[in-house]
Amino acid sequence: MRRLWMMMVSLVLSAPLWAQDLRVLTWQEMIPPDAPPVKLITAPIHNLSQMADTLSVESAPAAHQLAPHAPVVKSLDGERVRLPGYIVPLEVSEEGRVTEFLLVPYFGACIHVPPPPPNQIVHVTSELGVKVDELYQPYWIEGPMQVKSSTSELADAGYQMEADKILVYELPDQ
Protein backbone atom coordinates (compact mmCIF):
# COMPACT_ATOMS: atom_id res chain seq x y z
CA MET A 1 0.00 0.00 0.00
CA ARG A 2 2.80 2.36 0.91
CA ARG A 3 4.48 1.68 -2.45
CA LEU A 4 1.25 2.49 -4.32
CA TRP A 5 0.88 5.73 -2.35
CA MET A 6 4.50 6.71 -3.13
CA MET A 7 3.95 6.01 -6.82
CA MET A 8 0.81 8.19 -6.87
CA VAL A 9 2.61 11.05 -5.09
CA SER A 10 5.48 10.75 -7.57
CA LEU A 11 3.09 10.98 -10.53
CA VAL A 12 1.29 14.00 -9.10
CA LEU A 13 4.55 15.81 -8.41
CA SER A 14 5.93 15.09 -11.87
CA ALA A 15 2.77 16.25 -13.71
CA PRO A 16 3.93 19.88 -13.87
CA LEU A 17 7.06 18.66 -15.68
CA TRP A 18 4.89 17.32 -18.49
CA ALA A 19 3.14 20.69 -18.77
CA GLN A 20 6.49 22.47 -18.98
CA ASP A 21 7.35 20.48 -22.13
CA LEU A 22 4.75 22.50 -24.05
CA ARG A 23 5.94 25.98 -25.03
CA VAL A 24 3.40 28.68 -25.87
CA LEU A 25 4.97 30.11 -29.00
CA THR A 26 4.37 33.52 -30.57
CA TRP A 27 4.63 34.22 -34.27
CA GLN A 28 7.39 36.76 -33.65
CA GLU A 29 9.52 34.01 -32.07
CA MET A 30 9.43 32.16 -35.41
CA ILE A 31 11.44 34.95 -37.08
CA PRO A 32 15.20 35.04 -36.41
CA PRO A 33 16.17 38.26 -34.58
CA ASP A 34 18.59 39.22 -37.37
CA ALA A 35 16.10 38.62 -40.21
CA PRO A 36 15.30 41.61 -42.42
CA PRO A 37 11.88 43.10 -41.60
CA VAL A 38 8.93 42.21 -43.83
CA LYS A 39 5.83 44.39 -43.95
CA LEU A 40 2.86 42.07 -43.55
CA ILE A 41 -0.41 42.93 -45.22
CA THR A 42 -2.98 42.23 -42.53
CA ALA A 43 -5.94 44.12 -43.94
CA PRO A 44 -8.14 41.62 -45.81
CA ILE A 45 -8.92 42.53 -49.39
CA HIS A 46 -12.48 41.19 -49.57
CA ASN A 47 -16.05 41.78 -48.61
CA LEU A 48 -17.04 39.66 -45.59
CA SER A 49 -20.64 39.52 -46.81
CA GLN A 50 -19.44 37.35 -49.70
CA MET A 51 -18.04 34.61 -47.44
CA ALA A 52 -21.15 32.43 -47.10
CA ASP A 53 -19.25 29.24 -47.89
CA THR A 54 -16.05 29.59 -45.88
CA LEU A 55 -14.46 26.48 -47.34
CA SER A 56 -15.14 27.32 -50.99
CA VAL A 57 -12.21 27.74 -53.33
CA GLU A 58 -11.52 31.30 -54.38
CA SER A 59 -11.69 31.96 -58.11
CA ALA A 60 -9.10 34.73 -58.09
CA PRO A 61 -5.46 33.81 -58.77
CA ALA A 62 -3.23 33.37 -55.74
CA ALA A 63 -1.26 36.45 -54.71
CA HIS A 64 2.54 36.30 -54.67
CA GLN A 65 4.05 35.31 -51.34
CA LEU A 66 5.89 37.93 -49.32
CA ALA A 67 9.63 37.31 -48.76
CA PRO A 68 9.62 33.74 -50.14
CA HIS A 69 13.11 33.03 -48.76
CA ALA A 70 12.59 34.36 -45.23
CA PRO A 71 14.80 32.55 -42.68
CA VAL A 72 13.42 30.25 -39.98
CA VAL A 73 14.44 29.62 -36.36
CA LYS A 74 16.22 26.26 -36.49
CA SER A 75 16.25 25.83 -32.69
CA LEU A 76 12.45 25.30 -32.80
CA ASP A 77 12.95 21.93 -34.50
CA GLY A 78 11.54 19.14 -32.33
CA GLU A 79 10.11 21.51 -29.70
CA ARG A 80 6.56 20.83 -28.50
CA VAL A 81 4.62 24.05 -28.98
CA ARG A 82 1.19 25.61 -28.62
CA LEU A 83 0.62 28.23 -31.31
CA PRO A 84 -2.50 30.33 -31.99
CA GLY A 85 -3.55 31.10 -35.53
CA TYR A 86 -6.02 30.84 -38.36
CA ILE A 87 -6.67 27.76 -40.46
CA VAL A 88 -6.36 27.86 -44.24
CA PRO A 89 -7.75 24.46 -45.37
CA LEU A 90 -5.78 22.35 -47.83
CA GLU A 91 -7.53 18.98 -47.41
CA VAL A 92 -11.00 18.16 -46.07
CA SER A 93 -12.15 14.62 -45.21
CA GLU A 94 -15.44 13.08 -46.37
CA GLU A 95 -16.78 13.91 -42.90
CA GLY A 96 -16.08 17.61 -43.49
CA ARG A 97 -13.07 17.76 -41.15
CA VAL A 98 -9.98 19.73 -42.16
CA THR A 99 -7.08 17.25 -41.94
CA GLU A 100 -4.37 19.30 -43.64
CA PHE A 101 -4.02 23.07 -43.47
CA LEU A 102 -1.78 26.07 -43.28
CA LEU A 103 -1.71 27.82 -39.92
CA VAL A 104 -1.22 31.56 -40.35
CA PRO A 105 -0.99 34.51 -37.94
CA TYR A 106 -3.89 36.57 -39.26
CA PHE A 107 -7.28 36.04 -40.87
CA GLY A 108 -7.34 36.03 -44.65
CA ALA A 109 -3.67 35.19 -45.15
CA CYS A 110 -3.05 33.08 -48.28
CA ILE A 111 -6.58 33.58 -49.54
CA HIS A 112 -7.48 37.27 -49.54
CA VAL A 113 -4.08 38.92 -49.23
CA PRO A 114 -0.56 37.88 -50.25
CA PRO A 115 0.66 34.98 -48.10
CA PRO A 116 3.03 35.89 -45.28
CA PRO A 117 6.66 34.77 -45.48
CA PRO A 118 7.35 31.04 -44.97
CA ASN A 119 8.61 31.72 -41.43
CA GLN A 120 5.05 32.83 -40.61
CA ILE A 121 3.30 29.72 -42.00
CA VAL A 122 3.05 26.25 -40.48
CA HIS A 123 1.91 23.33 -42.63
CA VAL A 124 -0.20 21.21 -40.25
CA THR A 125 -1.57 17.70 -40.61
CA SER A 126 -4.01 16.02 -38.27
CA GLU A 127 -5.30 12.47 -38.39
CA LEU A 128 -8.65 13.38 -36.80
CA GLY A 129 -8.84 16.89 -38.21
CA VAL A 130 -11.10 19.69 -37.09
CA LYS A 131 -14.54 20.85 -38.20
CA VAL A 132 -14.04 24.44 -39.40
CA ASP A 133 -17.28 26.34 -39.85
CA GLU A 134 -15.80 29.84 -39.89
CA LEU A 135 -12.37 30.74 -41.24
CA TYR A 136 -12.25 33.80 -39.00
CA GLN A 137 -12.27 31.55 -35.89
CA PRO A 138 -8.74 31.30 -34.44
CA TYR A 139 -7.43 28.02 -32.99
CA TRP A 140 -4.67 26.79 -30.72
CA ILE A 141 -2.58 24.07 -32.38
CA GLU A 142 -0.39 21.86 -30.18
CA GLY A 143 2.29 19.45 -31.28
CA PRO A 144 5.94 18.99 -32.14
CA MET A 145 7.32 21.69 -34.43
CA GLN A 146 9.49 20.71 -37.37
CA VAL A 147 11.72 23.21 -39.11
CA LYS A 148 11.01 21.79 -42.52
CA SER A 149 9.73 23.57 -45.60
CA SER A 150 6.75 22.49 -47.65
CA THR A 151 4.97 23.82 -50.71
CA SER A 152 1.25 23.97 -51.45
CA GLU A 153 -0.85 25.69 -54.11
CA LEU A 154 -1.35 28.63 -51.76
CA ALA A 155 2.06 29.23 -50.22
CA ASP A 156 5.39 27.88 -49.04
CA ALA A 157 5.64 27.07 -45.34
CA GLY A 158 8.88 27.14 -43.34
CA TYR A 159 7.55 24.93 -40.56
CA GLN A 160 5.52 21.74 -40.26
CA MET A 161 3.56 20.17 -37.43
CA GLU A 162 1.56 17.01 -36.78
CA ALA A 163 -1.19 18.36 -34.51
CA ASP A 164 -1.70 16.54 -31.21
CA LYS A 165 -4.52 18.93 -30.28
CA ILE A 166 -6.61 21.52 -32.12
CA LEU A 167 -8.62 23.75 -29.79
CA VAL A 168 -10.77 26.81 -30.29
CA TYR A 169 -8.66 29.81 -29.32
CA GLU A 170 -9.05 31.08 -25.80
CA LEU A 171 -6.57 33.26 -23.95
CA PRO A 172 -4.37 31.24 -21.57
CA ASP A 173 -4.95 31.65 -17.84
CA GLN A 174 -2.98 34.61 -16.56
C-alpha atoms as a PDB file:
ATOM      1  CA  MET A   1       0.000   0.000   0.000  1.00  0.00           C
ATOM      2  CA  ARG A   2       2.796   2.363   0.906  1.00  0.00           C
ATOM      3  CA  ARG A   3       4.481   1.680  -2.451  1.00  0.00           C
ATOM      4  CA  LEU A   4       1.253   2.490  -4.316  1.00  0.00           C
ATOM      5  CA  TRP A   5       0.876   5.727  -2.347  1.00  0.00           C
ATOM      6  CA  MET A   6       4.499   6.710  -3.126  1.00  0.00           C
ATOM      7  CA  MET A   7       3.948   6.009  -6.817  1.00  0.00           C
ATOM      8  CA  MET A   8       0.812   8.186  -6.867  1.00  0.00           C
ATOM      9  CA  VAL A   9       2.614  11.048  -5.087  1.00  0.00           C
ATOM     10  CA  SER A  10       5.482  10.750  -7.568  1.00  0.00           C
ATOM     11  CA  LEU A  11       3.085  10.976 -10.526  1.00  0.00           C
ATOM     12  CA  VAL A  12       1.285  13.999  -9.097  1.00  0.00           C
ATOM     13  CA  LEU A  13       4.546  15.810  -8.411  1.00  0.00           C
ATOM     14  CA  SER A  14       5.931  15.086 -11.871  1.00  0.00           C
ATOM     15  CA  ALA A  15       2.769  16.246 -13.712  1.00  0.00           C
ATOM     16  CA  PRO A  16       3.931  19.882 -13.872  1.00  0.00           C
ATOM     17  CA  LEU A  17       7.063  18.659 -15.680  1.00  0.00           C
ATOM     18  CA  TRP A  18       4.893  17.320 -18.488  1.00  0.00           C
ATOM     19  CA  ALA A  19       3.139  20.689 -18.768  1.00  0.00           C
ATOM     20  CA  GLN A  20       6.493  22.465 -18.980  1.00  0.00           C
ATOM     21  CA  ASP A  21       7.351  20.483 -22.126  1.00  0.00           C
ATOM     22  CA  LEU A  22       4.751  22.503 -24.048  1.00  0.00           C
ATOM     23  CA  ARG A  23       5.938  25.985 -25.030  1.00  0.00           C
ATOM     24  CA  VAL A  24       3.397  28.681 -25.871  1.00  0.00           C
ATOM     25  CA  LEU A  25       4.967  30.114 -28.997  1.00  0.00           C
ATOM     26  CA  THR A  26       4.366  33.519 -30.571  1.00  0.00           C
ATOM     27  CA  TRP A  27       4.625  34.224 -34.275  1.00  0.00           C
ATOM     28  CA  GLN A  28       7.392  36.757 -33.647  1.00  0.00           C
ATOM     29  CA  GLU A  29       9.525  34.012 -32.073  1.00  0.00           C
ATOM     30  CA  MET A  30       9.433  32.158 -35.414  1.00  0.00           C
ATOM     31  CA  ILE A  31      11.437  34.947 -37.078  1.00  0.00           C
ATOM     32  CA  PRO A  32      15.197  35.040 -36.408  1.00  0.00           C
ATOM     33  CA  PRO A  33      16.172  38.259 -34.584  1.00  0.00           C
ATOM     34  CA  ASP A  34      18.593  39.222 -37.367  1.00  0.00           C
ATOM     35  CA  ALA A  35      16.099  38.622 -40.215  1.00  0.00           C
ATOM     36  CA  PRO A  36      15.301  41.612 -42.425  1.00  0.00           C
ATOM     37  CA  PRO A  37      11.878  43.096 -41.605  1.00  0.00           C
ATOM     38  CA  VAL A  38       8.927  42.206 -43.829  1.00  0.00           C
ATOM     39  CA  LYS A  39       5.831  44.393 -43.950  1.00  0.00           C
ATOM     40  CA  LEU A  40       2.860  42.071 -43.547  1.00  0.00           C
ATOM     41  CA  ILE A  41      -0.414  42.926 -45.220  1.00  0.00           C
ATOM     42  CA  THR A  42      -2.976  42.230 -42.532  1.00  0.00           C
ATOM     43  CA  ALA A  43      -5.941  44.121 -43.944  1.00  0.00           C
ATOM     44  CA  PRO A  44      -8.140  41.620 -45.810  1.00  0.00           C
ATOM     45  CA  ILE A  45      -8.920  42.533 -49.389  1.00  0.00           C
ATOM     46  CA  HIS A  46     -12.479  41.195 -49.568  1.00  0.00           C
ATOM     47  CA  ASN A  47     -16.046  41.784 -48.614  1.00  0.00           C
ATOM     48  CA  LEU A  48     -17.035  39.656 -45.590  1.00  0.00           C
ATOM     49  CA  SER A  49     -20.637  39.525 -46.807  1.00  0.00           C
ATOM     50  CA  GLN A  50     -19.436  37.349 -49.695  1.00  0.00           C
ATOM     51  CA  MET A  51     -18.037  34.615 -47.438  1.00  0.00           C
ATOM     52  CA  ALA A  52     -21.147  32.431 -47.100  1.00  0.00           C
ATOM     53  CA  ASP A  53     -19.252  29.242 -47.890  1.00  0.00           C
ATOM     54  CA  THR A  54     -16.050  29.594 -45.878  1.00  0.00           C
ATOM     55  CA  LEU A  55     -14.460  26.483 -47.335  1.00  0.00           C
ATOM     56  CA  SER A  56     -15.138  27.319 -50.992  1.00  0.00           C
ATOM     57  CA  VAL A  57     -12.210  27.736 -53.328  1.00  0.00           C
ATOM     58  CA  GLU A  58     -11.516  31.301 -54.375  1.00  0.00           C
ATOM     59  CA  SER A  59     -11.687  31.963 -58.113  1.00  0.00           C
ATOM     60  CA  ALA A  60      -9.098  34.732 -58.094  1.00  0.00           C
ATOM     61  CA  PRO A  61      -5.464  33.805 -58.774  1.00  0.00           C
ATOM     62  CA  ALA A  62      -3.231  33.369 -55.736  1.00  0.00           C
ATOM     63  CA  ALA A  63      -1.261  36.446 -54.711  1.00  0.00           C
ATOM     64  CA  HIS A  64       2.542  36.303 -54.672  1.00  0.00           C
ATOM     65  CA  GLN A  65       4.053  35.308 -51.341  1.00  0.00           C
ATOM     66  CA  LEU A  66       5.889  37.933 -49.317  1.00  0.00           C
ATOM     67  CA  ALA A  67       9.632  37.310 -48.764  1.00  0.00           C
ATOM     68  CA  PRO A  68       9.618  33.740 -50.143  1.00  0.00           C
ATOM     69  CA  HIS A  69      13.106  33.027 -48.764  1.00  0.00           C
ATOM     70  CA  ALA A  70      12.590  34.363 -45.231  1.00  0.00           C
ATOM     71  CA  PRO A  71      14.795  32.547 -42.682  1.00  0.00           C
ATOM     72  CA  VAL A  72      13.415  30.250 -39.978  1.00  0.00           C
ATOM     73  CA  VAL A  73      14.440  29.621 -36.358  1.00  0.00           C
ATOM     74  CA  LYS A  74      16.225  26.262 -36.486  1.00  0.00           C
ATOM     75  CA  SER A  75      16.246  25.835 -32.694  1.00  0.00           C
ATOM     76  CA  LEU A  76      12.453  25.304 -32.799  1.00  0.00           C
ATOM     77  CA  ASP A  77      12.947  21.928 -34.499  1.00  0.00           C
ATOM     78  CA  GLY A  78      11.539  19.145 -32.329  1.00  0.00           C
ATOM     79  CA  GLU A  79      10.114  21.507 -29.700  1.00  0.00           C
ATOM     80  CA  ARG A  80       6.559  20.825 -28.497  1.00  0.00           C
ATOM     81  CA  VAL A  81       4.618  24.049 -28.981  1.00  0.00           C
ATOM     82  CA  ARG A  82       1.193  25.613 -28.616  1.00  0.00           C
ATOM     83  CA  LEU A  83       0.615  28.234 -31.308  1.00  0.00           C
ATOM     84  CA  PRO A  84      -2.499  30.325 -31.994  1.00  0.00           C
ATOM     85  CA  GLY A  85      -3.549  31.104 -35.529  1.00  0.00           C
ATOM     86  CA  TYR A  86      -6.021  30.843 -38.360  1.00  0.00           C
ATOM     87  CA  ILE A  87      -6.667  27.759 -40.459  1.00  0.00           C
ATOM     88  CA  VAL A  88      -6.361  27.856 -44.241  1.00  0.00           C
ATOM     89  CA  PRO A  89      -7.746  24.461 -45.373  1.00  0.00           C
ATOM     90  CA  LEU A  90      -5.777  22.346 -47.829  1.00  0.00           C
ATOM     91  CA  GLU A  91      -7.530  18.982 -47.412  1.00  0.00           C
ATOM     92  CA  VAL A  92     -10.996  18.162 -46.075  1.00  0.00           C
ATOM     93  CA  SER A  93     -12.154  14.620 -45.214  1.00  0.00           C
ATOM     94  CA  GLU A  94     -15.435  13.084 -46.371  1.00  0.00           C
ATOM     95  CA  GLU A  95     -16.781  13.908 -42.898  1.00  0.00           C
ATOM     96  CA  GLY A  96     -16.075  17.608 -43.493  1.00  0.00           C
ATOM     97  CA  ARG A  97     -13.070  17.764 -41.150  1.00  0.00           C
ATOM     98  CA  VAL A  98      -9.982  19.733 -42.162  1.00  0.00           C
ATOM     99  CA  THR A  99      -7.080  17.254 -41.938  1.00  0.00           C
ATOM    100  CA  GLU A 100      -4.374  19.304 -43.644  1.00  0.00           C
ATOM    101  CA  PHE A 101      -4.024  23.073 -43.473  1.00  0.00           C
ATOM    102  CA  LEU A 102      -1.775  26.070 -43.280  1.00  0.00           C
ATOM    103  CA  LEU A 103      -1.708  27.824 -39.917  1.00  0.00           C
ATOM    104  CA  VAL A 104      -1.218  31.558 -40.350  1.00  0.00           C
ATOM    105  CA  PRO A 105      -0.985  34.508 -37.938  1.00  0.00           C
ATOM    106  CA  TYR A 106      -3.894  36.568 -39.260  1.00  0.00           C
ATOM    107  CA  PHE A 107      -7.279  36.041 -40.869  1.00  0.00           C
ATOM    108  CA  GLY A 108      -7.342  36.026 -44.649  1.00  0.00           C
ATOM    109  CA  ALA A 109      -3.667  35.186 -45.146  1.00  0.00           C
ATOM    110  CA  CYS A 110      -3.050  33.076 -48.280  1.00  0.00           C
ATOM    111  CA  ILE A 111      -6.585  33.585 -49.540  1.00  0.00           C
ATOM    112  CA  HIS A 112      -7.478  37.272 -49.535  1.00  0.00           C
ATOM    113  CA  VAL A 113      -4.078  38.918 -49.227  1.00  0.00           C
ATOM    114  CA  PRO A 114      -0.558  37.882 -50.254  1.00  0.00           C
ATOM    115  CA  PRO A 115       0.661  34.981 -48.101  1.00  0.00           C
ATOM    116  CA  PRO A 116       3.026  35.894 -45.285  1.00  0.00           C
ATOM    117  CA  PRO A 117       6.659  34.774 -45.480  1.00  0.00           C
ATOM    118  CA  PRO A 118       7.354  31.037 -44.970  1.00  0.00           C
ATOM    119  CA  ASN A 119       8.608  31.718 -41.429  1.00  0.00           C
ATOM    120  CA  GLN A 120       5.053  32.830 -40.609  1.00  0.00           C
ATOM    121  CA  ILE A 121       3.301  29.724 -42.004  1.00  0.00           C
ATOM    122  CA  VAL A 122       3.052  26.250 -40.475  1.00  0.00           C
ATOM    123  CA  HIS A 123       1.914  23.326 -42.630  1.00  0.00           C
ATOM    124  CA  VAL A 124      -0.202  21.214 -40.251  1.00  0.00           C
ATOM    125  CA  THR A 125      -1.571  17.701 -40.612  1.00  0.00           C
ATOM    126  CA  SER A 126      -4.011  16.019 -38.270  1.00  0.00           C
ATOM    127  CA  GLU A 127      -5.300  12.472 -38.389  1.00  0.00           C
ATOM    128  CA  LEU A 128      -8.650  13.381 -36.796  1.00  0.00           C
ATOM    129  CA  GLY A 129      -8.838  16.890 -38.213  1.00  0.00           C
ATOM    130  CA  VAL A 130     -11.103  19.686 -37.095  1.00  0.00           C
ATOM    131  CA  LYS A 131     -14.540  20.854 -38.201  1.00  0.00           C
ATOM    132  CA  VAL A 132     -14.041  24.438 -39.396  1.00  0.00           C
ATOM    133  CA  ASP A 133     -17.284  26.337 -39.850  1.00  0.00           C
ATOM    134  CA  GLU A 134     -15.804  29.844 -39.889  1.00  0.00           C
ATOM    135  CA  LEU A 135     -12.368  30.736 -41.241  1.00  0.00           C
ATOM    136  CA  TYR A 136     -12.246  33.798 -38.997  1.00  0.00           C
ATOM    137  CA  GLN A 137     -12.273  31.548 -35.886  1.00  0.00           C
ATOM    138  CA  PRO A 138      -8.737  31.295 -34.439  1.00  0.00           C
ATOM    139  CA  TYR A 139      -7.432  28.016 -32.985  1.00  0.00           C
ATOM    140  CA  TRP A 140      -4.666  26.788 -30.720  1.00  0.00           C
ATOM    141  CA  ILE A 141      -2.579  24.074 -32.382  1.00  0.00           C
ATOM    142  CA  GLU A 142      -0.395  21.859 -30.184  1.00  0.00           C
ATOM    143  CA  GLY A 143       2.285  19.449 -31.279  1.00  0.00           C
ATOM    144  CA  PRO A 144       5.937  18.990 -32.140  1.00  0.00           C
ATOM    145  CA  MET A 145       7.319  21.687 -34.429  1.00  0.00           C
ATOM    146  CA  GLN A 146       9.492  20.706 -37.370  1.00  0.00           C
ATOM    147  CA  VAL A 147      11.721  23.214 -39.107  1.00  0.00           C
ATOM    148  CA  LYS A 148      11.010  21.791 -42.522  1.00  0.00           C
ATOM    149  CA  SER A 149       9.733  23.572 -45.599  1.00  0.00           C
ATOM    150  CA  SER A 150       6.749  22.490 -47.655  1.00  0.00           C
ATOM    151  CA  THR A 151       4.966  23.817 -50.705  1.00  0.00           C
ATOM    152  CA  SER A 152       1.247  23.973 -51.448  1.00  0.00           C
ATOM    153  CA  GLU A 153      -0.848  25.686 -54.106  1.00  0.00           C
ATOM    154  CA  LEU A 154      -1.352  28.626 -51.764  1.00  0.00           C
ATOM    155  CA  ALA A 155       2.063  29.226 -50.218  1.00  0.00           C
ATOM    156  CA  ASP A 156       5.391  27.878 -49.043  1.00  0.00           C
ATOM    157  CA  ALA A 157       5.641  27.067 -45.336  1.00  0.00           C
ATOM    158  CA  GLY A 158       8.879  27.144 -43.344  1.00  0.00           C
ATOM    159  CA  TYR A 159       7.554  24.931 -40.562  1.00  0.00           C
ATOM    160  CA  GLN A 160       5.520  21.735 -40.259  1.00  0.00           C
ATOM    161  CA  MET A 161       3.563  20.166 -37.428  1.00  0.00           C
ATOM    162  CA  GLU A 162       1.562  17.007 -36.775  1.00  0.00           C
ATOM    163  CA  ALA A 163      -1.192  18.361 -34.508  1.00  0.00           C
ATOM    164  CA  ASP A 164      -1.696  16.543 -31.209  1.00  0.00           C
ATOM    165  CA  LYS A 165      -4.519  18.928 -30.279  1.00  0.00           C
ATOM    166  CA  ILE A 166      -6.607  21.516 -32.120  1.00  0.00           C
ATOM    167  CA  LEU A 167      -8.619  23.751 -29.790  1.00  0.00           C
ATOM    168  CA  VAL A 168     -10.773  26.809 -30.288  1.00  0.00           C
ATOM    169  CA  TYR A 169      -8.664  29.811 -29.315  1.00  0.00           C
ATOM    170  CA  GLU A 170      -9.053  31.083 -25.796  1.00  0.00           C
ATOM    171  CA  LEU A 171      -6.567  33.257 -23.949  1.00  0.00           C
ATOM    172  CA  PRO A 172      -4.367  31.243 -21.569  1.00  0.00           C
ATOM    173  CA  ASP A 173      -4.948  31.653 -17.841  1.00  0.00           C
ATOM    174  CA  GLN A 174      -2.975  34.614 -16.560  1.00  0.00           C
END
